[in-house]
Amino acid sequence: MLEGQGQERLYVRHLRVNPQAALVVDDVPDEQTWQPPGILIKGTTVPRTEGGEVLGPGFGPNWIEVVPNLVRPWGIDSPAL
């Protein structure tokens, strides 16, 4: 189990059935041009039950590792505004 009180979160149960996931992180530094830099990461997830506390105060031991098989950045090489 990844959660206390014997209950897993719904997304963890979904990842046990289909461990494939995608994560997109982007930013809009200039709303005038609307060319947000970002990164797409796709891969297989691995639920972990210890070690999450090292992320900082308030984090529990559980976390989800994403083992990437695709990493696609865009607009990251452009100069900072």
N, C-alpha and C. Protein backbone atom coordinates (compact mmCIF):
# COMPACT_ATOMS: atom_id res chain seq x y z
N MET A 1 0.83 -1.19 0.00
CA MET A 1 0.00 0.00 0.00
C MET A 1 0.87 1.24 0.00
N LEU A 2 0.44 2.26 -0.71
CA LEU A 2 1.19 3.50 -0.75
C LEU A 2 0.63 4.58 0.16
N GLU A 3 -0.50 4.38 0.74
CA GLU A 3 -1.11 5.39 1.61
C GLU A 3 -1.37 4.82 2.99
N GLY A 4 -1.39 5.70 3.97
CA GLY A 4 -1.72 5.28 5.33
C GLY A 4 -3.17 4.85 5.42
N GLN A 5 -3.57 4.29 6.51
CA GLN A 5 -4.92 3.80 6.78
C GLN A 5 -5.39 2.76 5.78
N GLY A 6 -4.44 2.05 5.11
CA GLY A 6 -4.81 0.94 4.25
C GLY A 6 -5.45 1.31 2.93
N GLN A 7 -5.44 2.57 2.54
CA GLN A 7 -6.07 3.01 1.29
C GLN A 7 -5.02 3.57 0.34
N GLU A 8 -5.00 3.09 -0.89
CA GLU A 8 -4.16 3.68 -1.92
C GLU A 8 -4.94 4.80 -2.60
N ARG A 9 -4.23 5.80 -3.03
CA ARG A 9 -4.88 6.85 -3.81
C ARG A 9 -5.30 6.27 -5.16
N LEU A 10 -6.34 6.86 -5.75
CA LEU A 10 -6.89 6.36 -7.00
C LEU A 10 -5.84 6.34 -8.11
N TYR A 11 -5.03 7.40 -8.23
CA TYR A 11 -4.04 7.44 -9.31
C TYR A 11 -3.01 6.33 -9.14
N VAL A 12 -2.70 5.93 -7.91
CA VAL A 12 -1.76 4.83 -7.69
C VAL A 12 -2.38 3.52 -8.16
N ARG A 13 -3.65 3.31 -7.88
CA ARG A 13 -4.34 2.10 -8.35
C ARG A 13 -4.37 2.08 -9.88
N HIS A 14 -4.61 3.24 -10.50
CA HIS A 14 -4.60 3.31 -11.97
C HIS A 14 -3.23 2.97 -12.52
N LEU A 15 -2.16 3.48 -11.88
CA LEU A 15 -0.81 3.21 -12.35
C LEU A 15 -0.41 1.74 -12.16
N ARG A 16 -1.01 1.07 -11.22
CA ARG A 16 -0.73 -0.37 -11.07
C ARG A 16 -1.34 -1.16 -12.23
N VAL A 17 -2.48 -0.70 -12.76
CA VAL A 17 -3.12 -1.35 -13.90
C VAL A 17 -2.39 -0.99 -15.20
N ASN A 18 -2.07 0.28 -15.37
CA ASN A 18 -1.35 0.76 -16.56
C ASN A 18 -0.25 1.69 -16.08
N PRO A 19 0.98 1.22 -15.99
CA PRO A 19 2.07 2.02 -15.42
C PRO A 19 2.63 3.11 -16.33
N GLN A 20 2.05 3.29 -17.52
CA GLN A 20 2.54 4.32 -18.42
C GLN A 20 2.00 5.69 -18.01
N ALA A 21 2.88 6.70 -18.02
CA ALA A 21 2.46 8.04 -17.63
C ALA A 21 3.19 9.08 -18.47
N ALA A 22 2.63 10.27 -18.51
CA ALA A 22 3.25 11.41 -19.19
C ALA A 22 3.16 12.61 -18.26
N LEU A 23 4.21 13.41 -18.29
CA LEU A 23 4.29 14.61 -17.46
C LEU A 23 4.73 15.76 -18.35
N VAL A 24 3.99 16.86 -18.30
CA VAL A 24 4.35 18.06 -19.05
C VAL A 24 4.54 19.20 -18.07
N VAL A 25 5.67 19.90 -18.20
CA VAL A 25 5.94 21.08 -17.39
C VAL A 25 6.25 22.20 -18.37
N ASP A 26 5.51 23.31 -18.25
CA ASP A 26 5.79 24.45 -19.11
C ASP A 26 5.64 25.75 -18.34
N ASP A 27 6.01 26.84 -18.98
CA ASP A 27 6.00 28.15 -18.36
C ASP A 27 5.64 29.17 -19.43
N VAL A 28 4.99 30.25 -19.04
CA VAL A 28 4.66 31.33 -19.97
C VAL A 28 5.37 32.59 -19.51
N PRO A 29 6.64 32.76 -19.91
CA PRO A 29 7.38 33.93 -19.45
C PRO A 29 6.94 35.23 -20.13
N ASP A 30 6.32 35.11 -21.31
CA ASP A 30 5.90 36.31 -22.05
C ASP A 30 4.54 36.05 -22.68
N GLU A 31 3.50 36.61 -22.09
CA GLU A 31 2.14 36.38 -22.60
C GLU A 31 1.92 37.03 -23.96
N GLN A 32 2.74 38.01 -24.34
CA GLN A 32 2.57 38.68 -25.63
C GLN A 32 2.88 37.74 -26.79
N THR A 33 3.96 36.98 -26.69
CA THR A 33 4.34 36.09 -27.79
C THR A 33 3.77 34.70 -27.64
N TRP A 34 3.40 34.32 -26.45
CA TRP A 34 2.82 33.01 -26.14
C TRP A 34 3.64 31.86 -26.76
N GLN A 35 4.91 31.83 -26.38
CA GLN A 35 5.79 30.75 -26.79
C GLN A 35 6.38 30.11 -25.53
N PRO A 36 5.57 29.33 -24.83
CA PRO A 36 6.04 28.78 -23.56
C PRO A 36 7.10 27.69 -23.75
N PRO A 37 8.23 27.79 -23.05
CA PRO A 37 9.18 26.68 -23.04
C PRO A 37 8.64 25.57 -22.15
N GLY A 38 9.07 24.36 -22.41
CA GLY A 38 8.59 23.26 -21.58
C GLY A 38 9.30 21.96 -21.88
N ILE A 39 8.81 20.91 -21.25
CA ILE A 39 9.38 19.58 -21.44
C ILE A 39 8.28 18.54 -21.27
N LEU A 40 8.30 17.53 -22.12
CA LEU A 40 7.39 16.39 -22.05
C LEU A 40 8.23 15.17 -21.66
N ILE A 41 7.78 14.45 -20.65
CA ILE A 41 8.45 13.22 -20.21
C ILE A 41 7.41 12.11 -20.22
N LYS A 42 7.69 11.05 -20.96
CA LYS A 42 6.82 9.86 -20.99
C LYS A 42 7.64 8.68 -20.51
N GLY A 43 6.98 7.77 -19.77
CA GLY A 43 7.70 6.60 -19.32
C GLY A 43 6.86 5.68 -18.47
N THR A 44 7.54 4.73 -17.88
CA THR A 44 6.92 3.73 -17.02
C THR A 44 7.08 4.15 -15.56
N THR A 45 6.01 4.04 -14.79
CA THR A 45 6.05 4.44 -13.38
C THR A 45 6.40 3.26 -12.49
N VAL A 46 7.04 3.59 -11.37
CA VAL A 46 7.39 2.60 -10.36
C VAL A 46 6.98 3.18 -9.00
N PRO A 47 5.93 2.65 -8.36
CA PRO A 47 5.55 3.14 -7.03
C PRO A 47 6.63 2.80 -6.01
N ARG A 48 7.01 3.78 -5.21
CA ARG A 48 8.02 3.60 -4.16
C ARG A 48 7.38 3.87 -2.81
N THR A 49 7.75 3.09 -1.80
CA THR A 49 7.13 3.22 -0.48
C THR A 49 8.07 3.79 0.57
N GLU A 50 9.25 4.22 0.16
CA GLU A 50 10.16 4.85 1.11
C GLU A 50 11.06 5.84 0.39
N GLY A 51 11.53 6.83 1.13
CA GLY A 51 12.47 7.79 0.58
C GLY A 51 11.88 9.14 0.23
N GLY A 52 10.57 9.25 0.19
CA GLY A 52 9.94 10.52 -0.19
C GLY A 52 10.18 11.65 0.79
N GLU A 53 10.53 11.33 2.02
CA GLU A 53 10.73 12.36 3.05
C GLU A 53 11.90 13.29 2.69
N VAL A 54 12.84 12.82 1.88
CA VAL A 54 13.99 13.66 1.54
C VAL A 54 13.61 14.84 0.65
N LEU A 55 12.38 14.84 0.10
CA LEU A 55 11.93 15.95 -0.73
C LEU A 55 11.72 17.22 0.08
N GLY A 56 11.43 17.09 1.36
CA GLY A 56 11.26 18.27 2.20
C GLY A 56 10.21 18.05 3.27
N PRO A 57 10.02 19.07 4.12
CA PRO A 57 9.04 18.98 5.20
C PRO A 57 7.63 18.74 4.65
N GLY A 58 6.91 17.86 5.31
CA GLY A 58 5.52 17.59 4.92
C GLY A 58 5.37 16.46 3.91
N PHE A 59 6.46 15.98 3.33
CA PHE A 59 6.37 14.87 2.39
C PHE A 59 6.44 13.56 3.14
N GLY A 60 5.62 12.60 2.72
CA GLY A 60 5.64 11.28 3.32
C GLY A 60 6.63 10.38 2.60
N PRO A 61 6.67 9.12 2.98
CA PRO A 61 7.64 8.20 2.41
C PRO A 61 7.31 7.75 0.98
N ASN A 62 6.06 7.87 0.55
CA ASN A 62 5.62 7.34 -0.74
C ASN A 62 5.85 8.32 -1.87
N TRP A 63 6.28 7.80 -3.02
CA TRP A 63 6.47 8.62 -4.20
C TRP A 63 6.40 7.73 -5.44
N ILE A 64 6.25 8.35 -6.60
CA ILE A 64 6.16 7.63 -7.86
C ILE A 64 7.38 7.99 -8.70
N GLU A 65 8.16 7.01 -9.08
CA GLU A 65 9.31 7.21 -9.97
C GLU A 65 8.82 7.05 -11.41
N VAL A 66 9.28 7.93 -12.30
CA VAL A 66 8.99 7.79 -13.72
C VAL A 66 10.31 7.46 -14.42
N VAL A 67 10.38 6.27 -15.02
CA VAL A 67 11.55 5.86 -15.78
C VAL A 67 11.29 6.28 -17.22
N PRO A 68 11.97 7.36 -17.68
CA PRO A 68 11.61 7.94 -18.98
C PRO A 68 12.05 7.07 -20.16
N ASN A 69 11.18 7.02 -21.17
CA ASN A 69 11.57 6.44 -22.45
C ASN A 69 11.44 7.48 -23.57
N LEU A 70 10.91 8.67 -23.22
CA LEU A 70 10.85 9.80 -24.16
C LEU A 70 10.97 11.08 -23.35
N VAL A 71 11.89 11.93 -23.76
CA VAL A 71 12.03 13.27 -23.16
C VAL A 71 12.10 14.24 -24.32
N ARG A 72 11.14 15.17 -24.40
CA ARG A 72 11.08 16.09 -25.52
C ARG A 72 10.92 17.53 -25.00
N PRO A 73 12.01 18.29 -24.97
CA PRO A 73 11.92 19.69 -24.57
C PRO A 73 11.58 20.58 -25.77
N TRP A 74 11.04 21.77 -25.49
CA TRP A 74 10.83 22.77 -26.54
C TRP A 74 11.03 24.15 -25.95
N GLY A 75 11.64 24.99 -26.70
CA GLY A 75 11.83 26.38 -26.30
C GLY A 75 12.78 26.59 -25.15
N ILE A 76 13.48 25.57 -24.71
CA ILE A 76 14.37 25.69 -23.56
C ILE A 76 15.69 26.34 -23.95
N ASP A 77 16.12 26.14 -25.19
CA ASP A 77 17.39 26.70 -25.65
C ASP A 77 17.31 28.19 -25.97
N SER A 78 16.09 28.76 -25.97
CA SER A 78 15.96 30.18 -26.29
C SER A 78 16.48 31.03 -25.13
N PRO A 79 16.95 32.25 -25.43
CA PRO A 79 17.51 33.12 -24.36
C PRO A 79 16.44 33.50 -23.34
N ALA A 80 16.87 33.66 -22.10
CA ALA A 80 15.96 34.06 -21.01
C ALA A 80 15.48 35.48 -21.26
N LEU A 81 14.23 35.73 -20.86
CA LEU A 81 13.65 37.07 -21.04
C LEU A 81 13.96 37.95 -19.87
